[in-house]
Structure formats: structure tokens, C-alpha cells
Amino acid sequence: MAKRNRFCFLGWIKPVDAEIIAHGGKMTKRTNYFLKSLNLPTQSEVDRLWAKEVERRIAQIERGKVKLVSGEKVFSDLRRKYRR
């Protein structure tokens, strides 16, 4: 059943993209209905969740629960790891 639902969902992607393009990038009622049916979070919900995550991470840092690593070190390690 999950495969069927996944297939049906994927089958909508191209028609929805085509419809948006055909209308100059503007959302039509059909496109808007489809996107709403996905039950995606609103921007304010995303912002609220990110704010909560930021507070959680700050608390971890302040309690010494995580080790901070500089971006320079992270990228240096990645370059070394994936050097060809």
C-alpha cells in the first residue's frame, strides 16, 4: 500500500510543475489544493520549530554537553577524508 501511495504522489509532481509553469509561475486552484493536501508546515510553524531547536542547541553548549568544532576544522577534515 505504501508503494501505491508513493507512486500516486510521484505521479502528481510533473503535472503540478507543468501547471505552475503554464500559468507563468502562478499557483492555480488545483495546484494550491494539491500542495495544501500534503499537509506541509506553514512558514511560521517552521520558524517556531527552528527557534526551539536553536534554544535546545544553545542549552547543550552552555551545559557543556557538546564539543564545538570550528568550520575551518570541519572542512579541513572533510577535504582530507574525501581527497582523491
PDB file of N, CA and C in Angstrom:
ATOM      1  N   MET A   1       0.822  -1.205   0.000  1.00  0.00           N
ATOM      2  CA  MET A   1       0.000   0.000   0.000  1.00  0.00           C
ATOM      3  C   MET A   1       0.857   1.256   0.000  1.00  0.00           C
ATOM      4  N   ALA A   2       1.961   1.259   0.749  1.00  0.00           N
ATOM      5  CA  ALA A   2       2.831   2.425   0.773  1.00  0.00           C
ATOM      6  C   ALA A   2       3.388   2.716  -0.611  1.00  0.00           C
ATOM      7  N   LYS A   3       3.726   1.656  -1.353  1.00  0.00           N
ATOM      8  CA  LYS A   3       4.244   1.854  -2.697  1.00  0.00           C
ATOM      9  C   LYS A   3       3.204   2.521  -3.582  1.00  0.00           C
ATOM     10  N   ARG A   4       1.961   2.101  -3.435  1.00  0.00           N
ATOM     11  CA  ARG A   4       0.886   2.674  -4.254  1.00  0.00           C
ATOM     12  C   ARG A   4       0.733   4.165  -3.948  1.00  0.00           C
ATOM     13  N   ASN A   5       0.719   4.512  -2.664  1.00  0.00           N
ATOM     14  CA  ASN A   5       0.592   5.913  -2.285  1.00  0.00           C
ATOM     15  C   ASN A   5       1.783   6.719  -2.789  1.00  0.00           C
ATOM     16  N   ARG A   6       2.957   6.139  -2.677  1.00  0.00           N
ATOM     17  CA  ARG A   6       4.155   6.832  -3.145  1.00  0.00           C
ATOM     18  C   ARG A   6       4.062   7.042  -4.654  1.00  0.00           C
ATOM     19  N   PHE A   7       3.643   6.028  -5.356  1.00  0.00           N
ATOM     20  CA  PHE A   7       3.517   6.135  -6.808  1.00  0.00           C
ATOM     21  C   PHE A   7       2.514   7.224  -7.167  1.00  0.00           C
ATOM     22  N   CYS A   8       1.375   7.220  -6.495  1.00  0.00           N
ATOM     23  CA  CYS A   8       0.348   8.228  -6.781  1.00  0.00           C
ATOM     24  C   CYS A   8       0.886   9.628  -6.519  1.00  0.00           C
ATOM     25  N   PHE A   9       1.609   9.793  -5.414  1.00  0.00           N
ATOM     26  CA  PHE A   9       2.187  11.102  -5.096  1.00  0.00           C
ATOM     27  C   PHE A   9       3.176  11.523  -6.168  1.00  0.00           C
ATOM     28  N   LEU A  10       4.075  10.638  -6.544  1.00  0.00           N
ATOM     29  CA  LEU A  10       5.071  10.981  -7.548  1.00  0.00           C
ATOM     30  C   LEU A  10       4.429  11.256  -8.896  1.00  0.00           C
ATOM     31  N   GLY A  11       3.318  10.597  -9.163  1.00  0.00           N
ATOM     32  CA  GLY A  11       2.620  10.838 -10.411  1.00  0.00           C
ATOM     33  C   GLY A  11       2.058  12.253 -10.519  1.00  0.00           C
ATOM     34  N   TRP A  12       1.864  12.923  -9.396  1.00  0.00           N
ATOM     35  CA  TRP A  12       1.332  14.281  -9.395  1.00  0.00           C
ATOM     36  C   TRP A  12       2.396  15.334  -9.632  1.00  0.00           C
ATOM     37  N   ILE A  13       3.647  15.040  -9.313  1.00  0.00           N
ATOM     38  CA  ILE A  13       4.696  16.060  -9.327  1.00  0.00           C
ATOM     39  C   ILE A  13       4.830  16.733 -10.690  1.00  0.00           C
ATOM     40  N   LYS A  14       5.013  15.962 -11.748  1.00  0.00           N
ATOM     41  CA  LYS A  14       5.207  16.567 -13.068  1.00  0.00           C
ATOM     42  C   LYS A  14       3.989  17.353 -13.533  1.00  0.00           C
ATOM     43  N   PRO A  15       2.760  16.825 -13.392  1.00  0.00           N
ATOM     44  CA  PRO A  15       1.610  17.643 -13.793  1.00  0.00           C
ATOM     45  C   PRO A  15       1.515  18.959 -13.019  1.00  0.00           C
ATOM     46  N   VAL A  16       1.842  18.924 -11.723  1.00  0.00           N
ATOM     47  CA  VAL A  16       1.774  20.147 -10.923  1.00  0.00           C
ATOM     48  C   VAL A  16       2.842  21.120 -11.385  1.00  0.00           C
ATOM     49  N   ASP A  17       4.074  20.656 -11.598  1.00  0.00           N
ATOM     50  CA  ASP A  17       5.140  21.524 -12.119  1.00  0.00           C
ATOM     51  C   ASP A  17       4.725  22.126 -13.455  1.00  0.00           C
ATOM     52  N   ALA A  18       4.192  21.302 -14.340  1.00  0.00           N
ATOM     53  CA  ALA A  18       3.785  21.770 -15.666  1.00  0.00           C
ATOM     54  C   ALA A  18       2.684  22.819 -15.556  1.00  0.00           C
ATOM     55  N   GLU A  19       1.754  22.605 -14.633  1.00  0.00           N
ATOM     56  CA  GLU A  19       0.656  23.560 -14.468  1.00  0.00           C
ATOM     57  C   GLU A  19       1.173  24.905 -13.963  1.00  0.00           C
ATOM     58  N   ILE A  20       2.093  24.873 -13.007  1.00  0.00           N
ATOM     59  CA  ILE A  20       2.661  26.120 -12.479  1.00  0.00           C
ATOM     60  C   ILE A  20       3.393  26.857 -13.595  1.00  0.00           C
ATOM     61  N   ILE A  21       4.206  26.142 -14.360  1.00  0.00           N
ATOM     62  CA  ILE A  21       4.955  26.750 -15.461  1.00  0.00           C
ATOM     63  C   ILE A  21       3.995  27.324 -16.502  1.00  0.00           C
ATOM     64  N   ALA A  22       2.955  26.577 -16.835  1.00  0.00           N
ATOM     65  CA  ALA A  22       1.994  27.011 -17.855  1.00  0.00           C
ATOM     66  C   ALA A  22       1.271  28.294 -17.452  1.00  0.00           C
ATOM     67  N   HIS A  23       1.179  28.553 -16.163  1.00  0.00           N
ATOM     68  CA  HIS A  23       0.485  29.751 -15.683  1.00  0.00           C
ATOM     69  C   HIS A  23       1.484  30.814 -15.217  1.00  0.00           C
ATOM     70  N   GLY A  24       2.650  30.826 -15.834  1.00  0.00           N
ATOM     71  CA  GLY A  24       3.635  31.866 -15.535  1.00  0.00           C
ATOM     72  C   GLY A  24       4.150  31.845 -14.117  1.00  0.00           C
ATOM     73  N   GLY A  25       4.210  30.671 -13.514  1.00  0.00           N
ATOM     74  CA  GLY A  25       4.718  30.538 -12.146  1.00  0.00           C
ATOM     75  C   GLY A  25       3.672  30.817 -11.085  1.00  0.00           C
ATOM     76  N   LYS A  26       2.453  31.124 -11.498  1.00  0.00           N
ATOM     77  CA  LYS A  26       1.385  31.403 -10.532  1.00  0.00           C
ATOM     78  C   LYS A  26       0.672  30.105 -10.167  1.00  0.00           C
ATOM     79  N   MET A  27       0.279  30.029  -8.926  1.00  0.00           N
ATOM     80  CA  MET A  27      -0.432  28.850  -8.456  1.00  0.00           C
ATOM     81  C   MET A  27      -1.890  28.911  -8.892  1.00  0.00           C
ATOM     82  N   THR A  28      -2.391  27.805  -9.385  1.00  0.00           N
ATOM     83  CA  THR A  28      -3.805  27.710  -9.735  1.00  0.00           C
ATOM     84  C   THR A  28      -4.547  27.101  -8.545  1.00  0.00           C
ATOM     85  N   LYS A  29      -5.860  27.077  -8.607  1.00  0.00           N
ATOM     86  CA  LYS A  29      -6.644  26.466  -7.531  1.00  0.00           C
ATOM     87  C   LYS A  29      -6.266  24.993  -7.368  1.00  0.00           C
ATOM     88  N   ARG A  30      -6.109  24.292  -8.495  1.00  0.00           N
ATOM     89  CA  ARG A  30      -5.766  22.863  -8.443  1.00  0.00           C
ATOM     90  C   ARG A  30      -4.402  22.651  -7.783  1.00  0.00           C
ATOM     91  N   THR A  31      -3.427  23.460  -8.180  1.00  0.00           N
ATOM     92  CA  THR A  31      -2.081  23.339  -7.615  1.00  0.00           C
ATOM     93  C   THR A  31      -2.104  23.668  -6.132  1.00  0.00           C
ATOM     94  N   ASN A  32      -2.790  24.730  -5.788  1.00  0.00           N
ATOM     95  CA  ASN A  32      -2.880  25.131  -4.394  1.00  0.00           C
ATOM     96  C   ASN A  32      -3.552  24.044  -3.559  1.00  0.00           C
ATOM     97  N   TYR A  33      -4.615  23.443  -4.083  1.00  0.00           N
ATOM     98  CA  TYR A  33      -5.310  22.361  -3.391  1.00  0.00           C
ATOM     99  C   TYR A  33      -4.357  21.192  -3.149  1.00  0.00           C
ATOM    100  N   PHE A  34      -3.605  20.823  -4.177  1.00  0.00           N
ATOM    101  CA  PHE A  34      -2.672  19.704  -4.056  1.00  0.00           C
ATOM    102  C   PHE A  34      -1.625  19.981  -2.984  1.00  0.00           C
ATOM    103  N   LEU A  35      -1.029  21.151  -3.024  1.00  0.00           N
ATOM    104  CA  LEU A  35       0.016  21.473  -2.048  1.00  0.00           C
ATOM    105  C   LEU A  35      -0.537  21.508  -0.629  1.00  0.00           C
ATOM    106  N   LYS A  36      -1.746  22.031  -0.455  1.00  0.00           N
ATOM    107  CA  LYS A  36      -2.367  22.036   0.870  1.00  0.00           C
ATOM    108  C   LYS A  36      -2.633  20.620   1.350  1.00  0.00           C
ATOM    109  N   SER A  37      -2.968  19.719   0.419  1.00  0.00           N
ATOM    110  CA  SER A  37      -3.275  18.341   0.803  1.00  0.00           C
ATOM    111  C   SER A  37      -2.048  17.595   1.318  1.00  0.00           C
ATOM    112  N   LEU A  38      -0.865  18.118   1.029  1.00  0.00           N
ATOM    113  CA  LEU A  38       0.358  17.485   1.534  1.00  0.00           C
ATOM    114  C   LEU A  38       0.547  17.727   3.021  1.00  0.00           C
ATOM    115  N   ASN A  39      -0.226  18.666   3.555  1.00  0.00           N
ATOM    116  CA  ASN A  39      -0.187  18.981   4.984  1.00  0.00           C
ATOM    117  C   ASN A  39       1.208  19.411   5.424  1.00  0.00           C
ATOM    118  N   LEU A  40       1.844  20.248   4.624  1.00  0.00           N
ATOM    119  CA  LEU A  40       3.171  20.758   4.954  1.00  0.00           C
ATOM    120  C   LEU A  40       3.054  21.829   6.033  1.00  0.00           C
ATOM    121  N   PRO A  41       4.091  22.000   6.849  1.00  0.00           N
ATOM    122  CA  PRO A  41       4.020  23.034   7.883  1.00  0.00           C
ATOM    123  C   PRO A  41       4.039  24.428   7.256  1.00  0.00           C
ATOM    124  N   THR A  42       3.420  25.363   7.940  1.00  0.00           N
ATOM    125  CA  THR A  42       3.442  26.750   7.490  1.00  0.00           C
ATOM    126  C   THR A  42       4.813  27.351   7.806  1.00  0.00           C
ATOM    127  N   GLN A  43       5.127  28.489   7.196  1.00  0.00           N
ATOM    128  CA  GLN A  43       6.406  29.135   7.471  1.00  0.00           C
ATOM    129  C   GLN A  43       6.533  29.503   8.942  1.00  0.00           C
ATOM    130  N   SER A  44       5.438  29.956   9.548  1.00  0.00           N
ATOM    131  CA  SER A  44       5.504  30.303  10.970  1.00  0.00           C
ATOM    132  C   SER A  44       5.765  29.067  11.829  1.00  0.00           C
ATOM    133  N   GLU A  45       5.229  27.915  11.426  1.00  0.00           N
ATOM    134  CA  GLU A  45       5.490  26.669  12.158  1.00  0.00           C
ATOM    135  C   GLU A  45       6.955  26.264  12.002  1.00  0.00           C
ATOM    136  N   VAL A  46       7.489  26.394  10.799  1.00  0.00           N
ATOM    137  CA  VAL A  46       8.902  26.088  10.564  1.00  0.00           C
ATOM    138  C   VAL A  46       9.773  27.014  11.405  1.00  0.00           C
ATOM    139  N   ASP A  47       9.456  28.298  11.412  1.00  0.00           N
ATOM    140  CA  ASP A  47      10.225  29.268  12.208  1.00  0.00           C
ATOM    141  C   ASP A  47      10.170  28.924  13.690  1.00  0.00           C
ATOM    142  N   ARG A  48       8.979  28.557  14.175  1.00  0.00           N
ATOM    143  CA  ARG A  48       8.832  28.200  15.589  1.00  0.00           C
ATOM    144  C   ARG A  48       9.667  26.976  15.938  1.00  0.00           C
ATOM    145  N   LEU A  49       9.644  25.963  15.062  1.00  0.00           N
ATOM    146  CA  LEU A  49      10.415  24.748  15.318  1.00  0.00           C
ATOM    147  C   LEU A  49      11.919  25.016  15.287  1.00  0.00           C
ATOM    148  N   TRP A  50      12.372  25.861  14.348  1.00  0.00           N
ATOM    149  CA  TRP A  50      13.796  26.197  14.307  1.00  0.00           C
ATOM    150  C   TRP A  50      14.213  26.976  15.552  1.00  0.00           C
ATOM    151  N   ALA A  51      13.375  27.897  16.018  1.00  0.00           N
ATOM    152  CA  ALA A  51      13.686  28.658  17.231  1.00  0.00           C
ATOM    153  C   ALA A  51      13.832  27.714  18.420  1.00  0.00           C
ATOM    154  N   LYS A  52      12.948  26.732  18.496  1.00  0.00           N
ATOM    155  CA  LYS A  52      13.012  25.737  19.569  1.00  0.00           C
ATOM    156  C   LYS A  52      14.314  24.939  19.477  1.00  0.00           C
ATOM    157  N   GLU A  53      14.703  24.563  18.246  1.00  0.00           N
ATOM    158  CA  GLU A  53      15.942  23.805  18.041  1.00  0.00           C
ATOM    159  C   GLU A  53      17.170  24.638  18.409  1.00  0.00           C
ATOM    160  N   VAL A  54      17.146  25.907  18.063  1.00  0.00           N
ATOM    161  CA  VAL A  54      18.258  26.800  18.412  1.00  0.00           C
ATOM    162  C   VAL A  54      18.404  26.878  19.926  1.00  0.00           C
ATOM    163  N   GLU A  55      17.292  27.052  20.620  1.00  0.00           N
ATOM    164  CA  GLU A  55      17.341  27.114  22.088  1.00  0.00           C
ATOM    165  C   GLU A  55      17.879  25.815  22.679  1.00  0.00           C
ATOM    166  N   ARG A  56      17.473  24.678  22.124  1.00  0.00           N
ATOM    167  CA  ARG A  56      17.961  23.381  22.599  1.00  0.00           C
ATOM    168  C   ARG A  56      19.468  23.281  22.417  1.00  0.00           C
ATOM    169  N   ARG A  57      19.963  23.707  21.253  1.00  0.00           N
ATOM    170  CA  ARG A  57      21.401  23.625  20.980  1.00  0.00           C
ATOM    171  C   ARG A  57      22.201  24.577  21.863  1.00  0.00           C
ATOM    172  N   ILE A  58      21.682  25.781  22.081  1.00  0.00           N
ATOM    173  CA  ILE A  58      22.361  26.730  22.970  1.00  0.00           C
ATOM    174  C   ILE A  58      22.464  26.150  24.370  1.00  0.00           C
ATOM    175  N   ALA A  59      21.391  25.549  24.855  1.00  0.00           N
ATOM    176  CA  ALA A  59      21.401  24.937  26.191  1.00  0.00           C
ATOM    177  C   ALA A  59      22.441  23.818  26.268  1.00  0.00           C
ATOM    178  N   GLN A  60      22.565  23.008  25.215  1.00  0.00           N
ATOM    179  CA  GLN A  60      23.567  21.943  25.190  1.00  0.00           C
ATOM    180  C   GLN A  60      24.976  22.528  25.279  1.00  0.00           C
ATOM    181  N   ILE A  61      25.210  23.609  24.551  1.00  0.00           N
ATOM    182  CA  ILE A  61      26.530  24.259  24.572  1.00  0.00           C
ATOM    183  C   ILE A  61      26.815  24.806  25.958  1.00  0.00           C
ATOM    184  N   GLU A  62      25.853  25.506  26.541  1.00  0.00           N
ATOM    185  CA  GLU A  62      26.042  26.112  27.861  1.00  0.00           C
ATOM    186  C   GLU A  62      26.267  25.077  28.953  1.00  0.00           C
ATOM    187  N   ARG A  63      25.668  23.897  28.818  1.00  0.00           N
ATOM    188  CA  ARG A  63      25.853  22.818  29.802  1.00  0.00           C
ATOM    189  C   ARG A  63      27.107  22.000  29.525  1.00  0.00           C
ATOM    190  N   GLY A  64      27.791  22.293  28.435  1.00  0.00           N
ATOM    191  CA  GLY A  64      28.998  21.543  28.083  1.00  0.00           C
ATOM    192  C   GLY A  64      28.699  20.149  27.566  1.00  0.00           C
ATOM    193  N   LYS A  65      27.508  19.936  27.022  1.00  0.00           N
ATOM    194  CA  LYS A  65      27.105  18.614  26.533  1.00  0.00           C
ATOM    195  C   LYS A  65      27.636  18.323  25.132  1.00  0.00           C
ATOM    196  N   VAL A  66      28.049  19.356  24.405  1.00  0.00           N
ATOM    197  CA  VAL A  66      28.567  19.169  23.050  1.00  0.00           C
ATOM    198  C   VAL A  66      29.917  19.854  22.918  1.00  0.00           C
ATOM    199  N   LYS A  67      30.711  19.350  22.007  1.00  0.00           N
ATOM    200  CA  LYS A  67      32.017  19.938  21.728  1.00  0.00           C
ATOM    201  C   LYS A  67      31.890  20.765  20.453  1.00  0.00           C
ATOM    202  N   LEU A  68      32.259  22.035  20.544  1.00  0.00           N
ATOM    203  CA  LEU A  68      32.193  22.896  19.371  1.00  0.00           C
ATOM    204  C   LEU A  68      33.427  22.688  18.509  1.00  0.00           C
ATOM    205  N   VAL A  69      33.225  22.651  17.219  1.00  0.00           N
ATOM    206  CA  VAL A  69      34.313  22.475  16.259  1.00  0.00           C
ATOM    207  C   VAL A  69      34.202  23.608  15.241  1.00  0.00           C
ATOM    208  N   SER A  70      35.329  24.256  14.960  1.00  0.00           N
ATOM    209  CA  SER A  70      35.296  25.371  14.013  1.00  0.00           C
ATOM    210  C   SER A  70      34.970  24.876  12.609  1.00  0.00           C
ATOM    211  N   GLY A  71      34.364  25.736  11.825  1.00  0.00           N
ATOM    212  CA  GLY A  71      34.066  25.411  10.436  1.00  0.00           C
ATOM    213  C   GLY A  71      35.332  25.080   9.669  1.00  0.00           C
ATOM    214  N   GLU A  72      36.401  25.816   9.976  1.00  0.00           N
ATOM    215  CA  GLU A  72      37.688  25.562   9.305  1.00  0.00           C
ATOM    216  C   GLU A  72      38.144  24.121   9.534  1.00  0.00           C
ATOM    217  N   LYS A  73      38.031  23.642  10.776  1.00  0.00           N
ATOM    218  CA  LYS A  73      38.439  22.266  11.084  1.00  0.00           C
ATOM    219  C   LYS A  73      37.526  21.253  10.388  1.00  0.00           C
ATOM    220  N   VAL A  74      36.234  21.511  10.396  1.00  0.00           N
ATOM    221  CA  VAL A  74      35.277  20.601   9.758  1.00  0.00           C
ATOM    222  C   VAL A  74      35.621  20.439   8.278  1.00  0.00           C
ATOM    223  N   PHE A  75      35.817  21.569   7.569  1.00  0.00           N
ATOM    224  CA  PHE A  75      36.094  21.494   6.136  1.00  0.00           C
ATOM    225  C   PHE A  75      37.467  20.906   5.857  1.00  0.00           C
ATOM    226  N   SER A  76      38.416  21.177   6.726  1.00  0.00           N
ATOM    227  CA  SER A  76      39.743  20.576   6.578  1.00  0.00           C
ATOM    228  C   SER A  76      39.650  19.053   6.699  1.00  0.00           C
ATOM    229  N   ASP A  77      38.915  18.584   7.699  1.00  0.00           N
ATOM    230  CA  ASP A  77      38.734  17.140   7.885  1.00  0.00           C
ATOM    231  C   ASP A  77      38.014  16.512   6.693  1.00  0.00           C
ATOM    232  N   LEU A  78      36.998  17.199   6.168  1.00  0.00           N
ATOM    233  CA  LEU A  78      36.271  16.672   5.010  1.00  0.00           C
ATOM    234  C   LEU A  78      37.156  16.606   3.770  1.00  0.00           C
ATOM    235  N   ARG A  79      37.958  17.652   3.560  1.00  0.00           N
ATOM    236  CA  ARG A  79      38.859  17.632   2.409  1.00  0.00           C
ATOM    237  C   ARG A  79      39.843  16.469   2.521  1.00  0.00           C
ATOM    238  N   ARG A  80      40.384  16.265   3.705  1.00  0.00           N
ATOM    239  CA  ARG A  80      41.329  15.169   3.924  1.00  0.00           C
ATOM    240  C   ARG A  80      40.648  13.805   3.717  1.00  0.00           C
ATOM    241  N   LYS A  81      39.429  13.661   4.239  1.00  0.00           N
ATOM    242  CA  LYS A  81      38.711  12.398   4.142  1.00  0.00           C
ATOM    243  C   LYS A  81      38.357  12.052   2.695  1.00  0.00           C
ATOM    244  N   TYR A  82      37.961  13.060   1.914  1.00  0.00           N
ATOM    245  CA  TYR A  82      37.476  12.778   0.566  1.00  0.00           C
ATOM    246  C   TYR A  82      38.466  13.163  -0.533  1.00  0.00           C
ATOM    247  N   ARG A  83      39.709  13.376  -0.147  1.00  0.00           N
ATOM    248  CA  ARG A  83      40.730  13.694  -1.142  1.00  0.00           C
ATOM    249  C   ARG A  83      40.913  12.526  -2.079  1.00  0.00           C
ATOM    250  N   ARG A  84      41.025  12.831  -3.366  1.00  0.00           N
ATOM    251  CA  ARG A  84      41.190  11.757  -4.363  1.00  0.00           C
ATOM    252  C   ARG A  84      42.605  11.693  -4.816  1.00  0.00           C
TER     253      ARG A  84
END
